[in-house]
Amino acid sequence: METESPGSRTTIGWAGSALILTGVVALVAKIAGVIVAPGSRGILSGRVVSALDVVSGALAYTLTALLVALVCAASFELARARNVNVLARGTVVAVSGLIVALASPAVIERLGMLPSLALAVITSLVALLAGIVVIRSPETRAVGGVLTLLAICGLLRIVAWETSAVSFERASHRLHEIARGFSTAAVTLQAIAVLLAAAWIGTRSKWRGRLLSNLSVLLAFGITWLAARASDQASSIEAILHATLPRAAGLPAPYVVGSIGAFLVPASILLAGVALLQRSPSRSQSPAVLASLALALLSHGAFDVPLHALLVTASAQWAMLAMTDDRALSISPAQRRNERVAPPRAPSTTESA
C-alpha cells in the first residue's frame, strides 16, 4: 500500500490562498474580458472602451502568470504525491508542460489554427484523465464529474467547429447540420456540468451554498433575458449583453438549446464565484476542491482559448492534489460538524479500573 508523502499533506495549506486569489482574478478577468470589454465597442465612449481594454488586458496577463505558477507548483507536488496513480500523475505532469508551451505564444500574438486545435485536443484529454482519476474520491467526485463532462464538451466543440468549417468550404448543408448536432451535444454536456456544480455547491451549506447557488441561477436567467430582449431602445447594459453573450458561447448555432448556451456563460461565472465563497475558517472544505471547481467552470469547455486551457489544466492538477489533502478525504460535512461539537467521552468505571 502506497503511503502519502509528508509534504503532500501540507501542499493545500500553503497553496490555499494562492488558489483562491487566482480564482478571484479569473472571475474578474472573465467578466471584464469576455462580457464587458468586447460588447462595449460602439456603445460606450472611446475613452471608456480604451480603459476597459487596458484593464482586461492587465487582468489577462496577471491571470496567465498566476495560472502558469500554479501549474508549475502542482507539477512539482504531483511528482511526489505517492497516493495518486503514478501513470496518471506522470501523464498529467508531462502533458501540462506541453499545454503551457502551446499556450505561451498567445501572450504576444494570436495562436494559429493548428496550434489552437492541438491545444484544445491535448487539454481535453488531460482534463478527461484527471476527471476520471479524481472522480473516485468522494470529496472530489463532483469536481471529477465536472472535469469529465467539460473535457468531452471540449472535444465536441472542436469537432463542431471543424465540421462547420468544412461545410462552408464545400457548401454542404448536410455537414452543417451535423456540426449543429455536435454543437447541441456540447451545450447539453456543459449544461449538465453546470447543474452538477450547482447541486454540489448547494450541499455545502444552507445559506451560503444552497441560497447563493439558487440566486446565481436566477440571476443568470435574468441576464440572459436582458440580452435576448435588447432592441434599438435598449440600455447600454442590455446592448452590451446582447453583443457579448451569444459570441461568448463560441459555438455553431445548436438545435433548440441556443439560448441555453448563452445562459451558461453568466451561470458559469456566477457559480464559480459562489464556489469560492464556500471557503470559511470554520469549515474543513479544502480550498483546492473549491478553486478547482471554480477554475473548471470558468474554462467554459472551450480549450482552444489559451487562458481557458490553462484554467482547466490548473483545475485538473489541483483536483488531483486535493485527493492527498486530509480535508478532502471521505468525511461528510455533517460528520465534521459532529466531530467538532461532540464532547469527549468520559471513561467508564471499568476502563478506569
Foldseek 3Di string as FASTA:
>chain_A
DWDFDPVLQCVLVVCLVLLLVLLVLLLVLCCLVFQFQVLCVPQDDPVVNVVSVVVSLVSLVVSLVSLVVLLVSLLVSLCRGGVFDPVLSVVLSVLSVVLNVLLVVVNPPDDDDVSLLVQLLSLLVNLLSLLVRLCVFPLLVLLSLLSNLLSVLSVLQSQLVVLCVVCVVVVPPVSPQVSLASNQSSLVSNVVSLVSLLVVQCVLDPPLRVVQSVVQLVVLVVLLVLLVPDDPPRDSSNSSLVVRLLVSLPGRNHPPCSSSSSSLSSSLSSSLVSLSVSDDPVFLRRSLSSSLSNLSSSLSSHRSNSSSSSSNSSSSSSSSSLPSHPSSHPDDRVNVVCVVPPDDDDDDPVVVD
